[in-house]
Amino acid sequence: MGLYHELRMRKMIIVEDDTLLKDSLSLFFRSKGCEVSAFENAENALEAMETERFGVVIADQWLPGMDGVSLLNRAWEMESDAIRILITGIPNPGILDEANRSGVDDFILKPFTPDEIEASLWRLIRRRNTKAADAP
C-alpha cells in the first residue's frame, strides 16, 4: 500500500494564510485523490474540526489570530490520532521546542518541495501503522 492509498482514508485539513501556498497544497493533494479542506486562519479550521474528523492537519505557524502550534494542540484535543504537521518559514528554536513538547508529529521548513511533505507524511503514517500493529 502506498502513501496516497493511506491518505485517501484520511481527510486532510490545510491551514495556511498564504493563498498561493494553501491553494497549491490543496490542488496537489486533490490531484492525488485526497479529500482536502483548506483555510486561511485557525478559527475557520476549528469550526470545520467541530463537525468533521480530520486524520491529517497541516498548519502554518504564523497565522492571523491563533498560531499554528496552538491550533495543532486544539486539533489533538479534538482528534488525538490525527497526524499534525507544522510548517514555518521562520525556524524559531522556541517555537520548534514548543511544538516538540506539545507532541506535534513533524515540522517542515519553508520553502519545501512536494517530495519533502510526502516523505514526512509517509514516515508518520508508517510509524502509526507500526504502532497499531504492535498494540495488543
N, C-alpha and C. Protein backbone atom coordinates (compact mmCIF):
# COMPACT_ATOMS: atom_id res chain seq x y z
N MET A 1 0.84 -1.18 0.00
CA MET A 1 0.00 0.00 0.00
C MET A 1 0.89 1.25 0.00
N GLY A 2 0.50 2.23 -0.75
CA GLY A 2 1.31 3.43 -0.88
C GLY A 2 0.76 4.59 -0.06
N LEU A 3 1.49 5.66 -0.11
CA LEU A 3 1.14 6.87 0.64
C LEU A 3 -0.26 7.36 0.29
N TYR A 4 -0.56 7.46 -0.98
CA TYR A 4 -1.85 8.06 -1.35
C TYR A 4 -3.03 7.13 -1.08
N HIS A 5 -2.79 5.84 -1.10
CA HIS A 5 -3.84 4.92 -0.64
C HIS A 5 -4.17 5.22 0.82
N GLU A 6 -3.12 5.38 1.63
CA GLU A 6 -3.31 5.68 3.06
C GLU A 6 -3.96 7.04 3.25
N LEU A 7 -3.52 8.04 2.49
CA LEU A 7 -4.07 9.40 2.67
C LEU A 7 -5.52 9.49 2.21
N ARG A 8 -5.92 8.68 1.25
CA ARG A 8 -7.32 8.71 0.80
C ARG A 8 -8.27 8.21 1.88
N MET A 9 -7.74 7.52 2.90
CA MET A 9 -8.58 7.03 4.00
C MET A 9 -8.68 8.06 5.13
N ARG A 10 -8.00 9.20 4.98
CA ARG A 10 -7.99 10.25 6.00
C ARG A 10 -8.34 11.57 5.34
N LYS A 11 -9.22 12.32 5.94
CA LYS A 11 -9.46 13.68 5.46
C LYS A 11 -8.30 14.55 5.91
N MET A 12 -7.93 15.49 5.05
CA MET A 12 -6.84 16.39 5.36
C MET A 12 -7.38 17.81 5.53
N ILE A 13 -6.73 18.55 6.42
CA ILE A 13 -7.03 19.96 6.56
C ILE A 13 -5.71 20.72 6.48
N ILE A 14 -5.71 21.76 5.67
CA ILE A 14 -4.53 22.60 5.50
C ILE A 14 -4.90 24.00 5.95
N VAL A 15 -4.06 24.57 6.83
CA VAL A 15 -4.32 25.91 7.34
C VAL A 15 -3.08 26.76 7.03
N GLU A 16 -3.23 27.67 6.10
CA GLU A 16 -2.12 28.47 5.59
C GLU A 16 -2.67 29.81 5.11
N ASP A 17 -2.13 30.91 5.62
CA ASP A 17 -2.64 32.23 5.23
C ASP A 17 -2.06 32.73 3.91
N ASP A 18 -1.03 32.09 3.40
CA ASP A 18 -0.51 32.41 2.07
C ASP A 18 -1.40 31.69 1.06
N THR A 19 -2.24 32.45 0.37
CA THR A 19 -3.24 31.87 -0.52
C THR A 19 -2.62 30.98 -1.59
N LEU A 20 -1.53 31.42 -2.18
CA LEU A 20 -0.89 30.63 -3.23
C LEU A 20 -0.42 29.28 -2.69
N LEU A 21 0.23 29.27 -1.54
CA LEU A 21 0.70 28.01 -0.95
C LEU A 21 -0.48 27.13 -0.55
N LYS A 22 -1.48 27.72 0.10
CA LYS A 22 -2.67 26.96 0.51
C LYS A 22 -3.34 26.30 -0.69
N ASP A 23 -3.54 27.08 -1.75
CA ASP A 23 -4.20 26.55 -2.94
C ASP A 23 -3.33 25.52 -3.65
N SER A 24 -2.02 25.74 -3.68
CA SER A 24 -1.11 24.79 -4.32
C SER A 24 -1.11 23.45 -3.60
N LEU A 25 -1.00 23.49 -2.26
CA LEU A 25 -1.02 22.24 -1.49
C LEU A 25 -2.35 21.52 -1.67
N SER A 26 -3.44 22.28 -1.62
CA SER A 26 -4.77 21.66 -1.79
C SER A 26 -4.90 20.99 -3.14
N LEU A 27 -4.49 21.71 -4.19
CA LEU A 27 -4.58 21.17 -5.54
C LEU A 27 -3.69 19.93 -5.69
N PHE A 28 -2.48 20.00 -5.13
CA PHE A 28 -1.57 18.86 -5.21
C PHE A 28 -2.20 17.61 -4.60
N PHE A 29 -2.71 17.72 -3.38
CA PHE A 29 -3.27 16.54 -2.71
C PHE A 29 -4.57 16.10 -3.36
N ARG A 30 -5.39 17.04 -3.80
CA ARG A 30 -6.63 16.65 -4.50
C ARG A 30 -6.30 15.91 -5.80
N SER A 31 -5.24 16.33 -6.49
CA SER A 31 -4.86 15.65 -7.74
C SER A 31 -4.45 14.20 -7.48
N LYS A 32 -4.11 13.88 -6.23
CA LYS A 32 -3.75 12.52 -5.85
C LYS A 32 -4.95 11.75 -5.29
N GLY A 33 -6.13 12.38 -5.32
CA GLY A 33 -7.35 11.71 -4.86
C GLY A 33 -7.68 11.90 -3.40
N CYS A 34 -6.99 12.83 -2.74
CA CYS A 34 -7.22 13.07 -1.31
C CYS A 34 -8.37 14.04 -1.10
N GLU A 35 -9.06 13.88 0.01
CA GLU A 35 -10.10 14.82 0.41
C GLU A 35 -9.46 15.89 1.28
N VAL A 36 -9.51 17.14 0.83
CA VAL A 36 -8.81 18.24 1.48
C VAL A 36 -9.76 19.40 1.74
N SER A 37 -9.67 19.94 2.95
CA SER A 37 -10.30 21.22 3.28
C SER A 37 -9.17 22.19 3.58
N ALA A 38 -9.30 23.42 3.13
CA ALA A 38 -8.22 24.39 3.33
C ALA A 38 -8.79 25.71 3.84
N PHE A 39 -8.05 26.30 4.78
CA PHE A 39 -8.48 27.54 5.41
C PHE A 39 -7.31 28.48 5.57
N GLU A 40 -7.61 29.77 5.65
CA GLU A 40 -6.56 30.79 5.80
C GLU A 40 -6.35 31.19 7.26
N ASN A 41 -7.19 30.68 8.17
CA ASN A 41 -6.99 31.00 9.59
C ASN A 41 -7.45 29.85 10.46
N ALA A 42 -6.94 29.84 11.67
CA ALA A 42 -7.20 28.75 12.61
C ALA A 42 -8.66 28.70 13.04
N GLU A 43 -9.26 29.84 13.21
CA GLU A 43 -10.63 29.88 13.71
C GLU A 43 -11.59 29.16 12.75
N ASN A 44 -11.47 29.41 11.45
CA ASN A 44 -12.33 28.72 10.49
C ASN A 44 -12.01 27.23 10.43
N ALA A 45 -10.74 26.89 10.56
CA ALA A 45 -10.36 25.48 10.58
C ALA A 45 -10.97 24.77 11.79
N LEU A 46 -10.93 25.42 12.95
CA LEU A 46 -11.51 24.82 14.15
C LEU A 46 -13.01 24.60 14.01
N GLU A 47 -13.69 25.52 13.35
CA GLU A 47 -15.13 25.33 13.11
C GLU A 47 -15.36 24.05 12.30
N ALA A 48 -14.54 23.85 11.28
CA ALA A 48 -14.67 22.63 10.47
C ALA A 48 -14.36 21.39 11.29
N MET A 49 -13.37 21.48 12.18
CA MET A 49 -12.98 20.34 13.01
C MET A 49 -14.06 19.97 14.02
N GLU A 50 -14.94 20.90 14.32
CA GLU A 50 -16.03 20.59 15.26
C GLU A 50 -17.06 19.67 14.63
N THR A 51 -17.17 19.69 13.29
CA THR A 51 -18.21 18.89 12.64
C THR A 51 -17.67 17.73 11.82
N GLU A 52 -16.36 17.75 11.51
CA GLU A 52 -15.76 16.68 10.71
C GLU A 52 -14.51 16.17 11.40
N ARG A 53 -14.18 14.91 11.12
CA ARG A 53 -12.93 14.33 11.63
C ARG A 53 -11.87 14.44 10.56
N PHE A 54 -10.70 14.88 10.96
CA PHE A 54 -9.58 15.00 10.04
C PHE A 54 -8.43 14.14 10.55
N GLY A 55 -7.86 13.36 9.65
CA GLY A 55 -6.77 12.48 10.02
C GLY A 55 -5.40 13.10 9.83
N VAL A 56 -5.35 14.21 9.08
CA VAL A 56 -4.09 14.92 8.85
C VAL A 56 -4.38 16.41 8.97
N VAL A 57 -3.59 17.09 9.81
CA VAL A 57 -3.72 18.54 9.97
C VAL A 57 -2.35 19.15 9.70
N ILE A 58 -2.29 20.00 8.68
CA ILE A 58 -1.06 20.70 8.31
C ILE A 58 -1.33 22.18 8.53
N ALA A 59 -0.52 22.81 9.38
CA ALA A 59 -0.78 24.22 9.72
C ALA A 59 0.51 25.03 9.69
N ASP A 60 0.39 26.23 9.16
CA ASP A 60 1.47 27.20 9.23
C ASP A 60 1.55 27.73 10.66
N GLN A 61 2.73 28.08 11.11
CA GLN A 61 2.89 28.66 12.45
C GLN A 61 2.32 30.07 12.52
N TRP A 62 2.63 30.87 11.52
CA TRP A 62 2.29 32.29 11.59
C TRP A 62 0.98 32.55 10.86
N LEU A 63 -0.12 32.40 11.60
CA LEU A 63 -1.46 32.62 11.09
C LEU A 63 -2.05 33.87 11.74
N PRO A 64 -3.01 34.50 11.07
CA PRO A 64 -3.70 35.60 11.75
C PRO A 64 -4.52 35.02 12.91
N GLY A 65 -4.53 35.69 14.03
CA GLY A 65 -5.25 35.17 15.21
C GLY A 65 -4.43 34.11 15.90
N MET A 66 -4.97 32.93 16.02
CA MET A 66 -4.31 31.81 16.70
C MET A 66 -3.12 31.30 15.88
N ASP A 67 -2.01 30.99 16.55
CA ASP A 67 -0.84 30.47 15.85
C ASP A 67 -0.98 28.97 15.58
N GLY A 68 -0.08 28.46 14.73
CA GLY A 68 -0.15 27.07 14.30
C GLY A 68 0.02 26.05 15.41
N VAL A 69 0.96 26.27 16.34
CA VAL A 69 1.15 25.31 17.44
C VAL A 69 -0.12 25.23 18.28
N SER A 70 -0.71 26.37 18.59
CA SER A 70 -1.96 26.36 19.37
C SER A 70 -3.06 25.64 18.62
N LEU A 71 -3.16 25.86 17.32
CA LEU A 71 -4.16 25.17 16.51
C LEU A 71 -3.91 23.66 16.54
N LEU A 72 -2.67 23.24 16.38
CA LEU A 72 -2.39 21.81 16.39
C LEU A 72 -2.66 21.19 17.75
N ASN A 73 -2.45 21.94 18.82
CA ASN A 73 -2.83 21.45 20.15
C ASN A 73 -4.33 21.26 20.26
N ARG A 74 -5.09 22.22 19.75
CA ARG A 74 -6.56 22.09 19.77
C ARG A 74 -7.00 20.93 18.89
N ALA A 75 -6.34 20.76 17.75
CA ALA A 75 -6.67 19.63 16.87
C ALA A 75 -6.47 18.31 17.59
N TRP A 76 -5.38 18.21 18.38
CA TRP A 76 -5.11 16.99 19.14
C TRP A 76 -6.22 16.74 20.16
N GLU A 77 -6.71 17.81 20.80
CA GLU A 77 -7.81 17.66 21.76
C GLU A 77 -9.06 17.11 21.09
N MET A 78 -9.27 17.47 19.84
CA MET A 78 -10.47 17.05 19.11
C MET A 78 -10.29 15.68 18.45
N GLU A 79 -9.07 15.36 18.03
CA GLU A 79 -8.79 14.12 17.31
C GLU A 79 -7.38 13.68 17.64
N SER A 80 -7.24 12.88 18.69
CA SER A 80 -5.90 12.57 19.20
C SER A 80 -5.07 11.70 18.26
N ASP A 81 -5.68 10.99 17.28
CA ASP A 81 -4.81 10.24 16.38
C ASP A 81 -4.51 10.96 15.08
N ALA A 82 -4.90 12.21 14.96
CA ALA A 82 -4.58 12.96 13.74
C ALA A 82 -3.07 13.20 13.64
N ILE A 83 -2.58 13.08 12.44
CA ILE A 83 -1.19 13.44 12.16
C ILE A 83 -1.14 14.96 12.11
N ARG A 84 -0.20 15.55 12.86
CA ARG A 84 -0.13 17.01 12.94
C ARG A 84 1.25 17.48 12.49
N ILE A 85 1.24 18.32 11.46
CA ILE A 85 2.49 18.84 10.89
C ILE A 85 2.45 20.37 10.93
N LEU A 86 3.53 20.94 11.45
CA LEU A 86 3.70 22.39 11.49
C LEU A 86 4.62 22.80 10.35
N ILE A 87 4.22 23.83 9.60
CA ILE A 87 5.11 24.38 8.58
C ILE A 87 5.42 25.82 8.96
N THR A 88 6.64 26.22 8.71
CA THR A 88 7.04 27.58 9.06
C THR A 88 8.20 28.04 8.18
N GLY A 89 8.21 29.31 7.91
CA GLY A 89 9.31 29.91 7.17
C GLY A 89 10.37 30.49 8.08
N ILE A 90 10.07 30.54 9.37
CA ILE A 90 10.99 31.12 10.35
C ILE A 90 11.30 30.05 11.39
N PRO A 91 12.48 29.43 11.32
CA PRO A 91 12.80 28.33 12.23
C PRO A 91 13.20 28.83 13.62
N ASN A 92 12.23 29.37 14.33
CA ASN A 92 12.44 29.88 15.68
C ASN A 92 12.61 28.70 16.64
N PRO A 93 13.78 28.57 17.29
CA PRO A 93 14.01 27.42 18.18
C PRO A 93 12.96 27.31 19.30
N GLY A 94 12.50 28.42 19.82
CA GLY A 94 11.49 28.38 20.88
C GLY A 94 10.19 27.76 20.41
N ILE A 95 9.78 28.11 19.21
CA ILE A 95 8.54 27.56 18.65
C ILE A 95 8.71 26.08 18.33
N LEU A 96 9.85 25.73 17.78
CA LEU A 96 10.09 24.32 17.46
C LEU A 96 10.15 23.48 18.73
N ASP A 97 10.74 24.02 19.80
CA ASP A 97 10.74 23.32 21.10
C ASP A 97 9.32 23.16 21.62
N GLU A 98 8.52 24.24 21.51
CA GLU A 98 7.12 24.17 21.96
C GLU A 98 6.36 23.13 21.16
N ALA A 99 6.59 23.09 19.86
CA ALA A 99 5.93 22.09 19.00
C ALA A 99 6.32 20.68 19.43
N ASN A 100 7.60 20.47 19.69
CA ASN A 100 8.05 19.14 20.15
C ASN A 100 7.43 18.77 21.48
N ARG A 101 7.42 19.70 22.42
CA ARG A 101 6.84 19.43 23.76
C ARG A 101 5.35 19.10 23.67
N SER A 102 4.66 19.74 22.74
CA SER A 102 3.22 19.51 22.65
C SER A 102 2.86 18.31 21.79
N GLY A 103 3.87 17.62 21.28
CA GLY A 103 3.60 16.38 20.55
C GLY A 103 3.29 16.55 19.08
N VAL A 104 3.60 17.71 18.50
CA VAL A 104 3.43 17.87 17.06
C VAL A 104 4.29 16.80 16.39
N ASP A 105 3.75 16.14 15.39
CA ASP A 105 4.42 14.99 14.79
C ASP A 105 5.65 15.36 13.96
N ASP A 106 5.60 16.49 13.28
CA ASP A 106 6.74 16.89 12.46
C ASP A 106 6.62 18.38 12.17
N PHE A 107 7.74 18.97 11.79
CA PHE A 107 7.70 20.34 11.30
C PHE A 107 8.55 20.41 10.05
N ILE A 108 8.07 21.22 9.13
CA ILE A 108 8.72 21.34 7.82
C ILE A 108 8.99 22.82 7.58
N LEU A 109 10.22 23.10 7.19
CA LEU A 109 10.62 24.48 6.94
C LEU A 109 10.29 24.88 5.50
N LYS A 110 9.76 26.10 5.36
CA LYS A 110 9.53 26.67 4.04
C LYS A 110 10.84 27.26 3.54
N PRO A 111 11.05 27.27 2.27
CA PRO A 111 10.24 26.62 1.24
C PRO A 111 10.49 25.11 1.24
N PHE A 112 9.48 24.36 0.90
CA PHE A 112 9.61 22.91 0.85
C PHE A 112 9.10 22.41 -0.50
N THR A 113 9.49 21.21 -0.82
CA THR A 113 9.05 20.58 -2.06
C THR A 113 7.95 19.57 -1.76
N PRO A 114 7.19 19.18 -2.77
CA PRO A 114 6.22 18.11 -2.56
C PRO A 114 6.87 16.84 -2.03
N ASP A 115 8.10 16.55 -2.49
CA ASP A 115 8.79 15.35 -2.01
C ASP A 115 9.01 15.40 -0.50
N GLU A 116 9.33 16.58 0.04
CA GLU A 116 9.57 16.69 1.48
C GLU A 116 8.30 16.44 2.28
N ILE A 117 7.19 17.00 1.84
CA ILE A 117 5.95 16.79 2.59
C ILE A 117 5.46 15.36 2.43
N GLU A 118 5.65 14.79 1.24
CA GLU A 118 5.29 13.38 1.04
C GLU A 118 6.13 12.48 1.95
N ALA A 119 7.42 12.73 2.03
CA ALA A 119 8.30 11.90 2.87
C ALA A 119 7.88 11.98 4.33
N SER A 120 7.55 13.19 4.79
CA SER A 120 7.11 13.35 6.18
C SER A 120 5.82 12.57 6.43
N LEU A 121 4.84 12.74 5.56
CA LEU A 121 3.56 12.05 5.73
C LEU A 121 3.74 10.53 5.68
N TRP A 122 4.53 10.04 4.75
CA TRP A 122 4.73 8.60 4.62
C TRP A 122 5.41 8.04 5.86
N ARG A 123 6.44 8.74 6.37
CA ARG A 123 7.13 8.29 7.58
C ARG A 123 6.15 8.25 8.77
N LEU A 124 5.33 9.29 8.91
CA LEU A 124 4.40 9.36 10.04
C LEU A 124 3.29 8.31 9.93
N ILE A 125 2.81 8.07 8.74
CA ILE A 125 1.77 7.05 8.55
C ILE A 125 2.34 5.66 8.84
N ARG A 126 3.53 5.38 8.34
CA ARG A 126 4.14 4.07 8.62
C ARG A 126 4.37 3.89 10.11
N ARG A 127 4.81 4.95 10.78
CA ARG A 127 5.01 4.88 12.23
C ARG A 127 3.69 4.56 12.93
N ARG A 128 2.61 5.24 12.54
CA ARG A 128 1.30 4.98 13.15
C ARG A 128 0.84 3.55 12.87
N ASN A 129 1.02 3.10 11.64
CA ASN A 129 0.58 1.75 11.28
C ASN A 129 1.38 0.70 12.04
N THR A 130 2.67 0.94 12.24
CA THR A 130 3.51 0.01 13.01
C THR A 130 3.05 -0.06 14.45
N LYS A 131 2.78 1.10 15.05
CA LYS A 131 2.30 1.13 16.43
C LYS A 131 0.97 0.41 16.57
N ALA A 132 0.08 0.62 15.60
CA ALA A 132 -1.23 -0.04 15.64
C ALA A 132 -1.08 -1.54 15.53
N ALA A 133 -0.17 -1.99 14.68
CA ALA A 133 0.05 -3.44 14.50
C ALA A 133 0.68 -4.07 15.74
N ASP A 134 1.47 -3.30 16.46
CA ASP A 134 2.15 -3.82 17.66
C ASP A 134 1.27 -3.78 18.90
N ALA A 135 0.16 -3.04 18.84
CA ALA A 135 -0.72 -2.90 20.01
C ALA A 135 -1.38 -4.25 20.30
N PRO A 136 -1.58 -4.54 21.60
CA PRO A 136 -2.20 -5.83 21.95
C PRO A 136 -3.66 -5.90 21.56
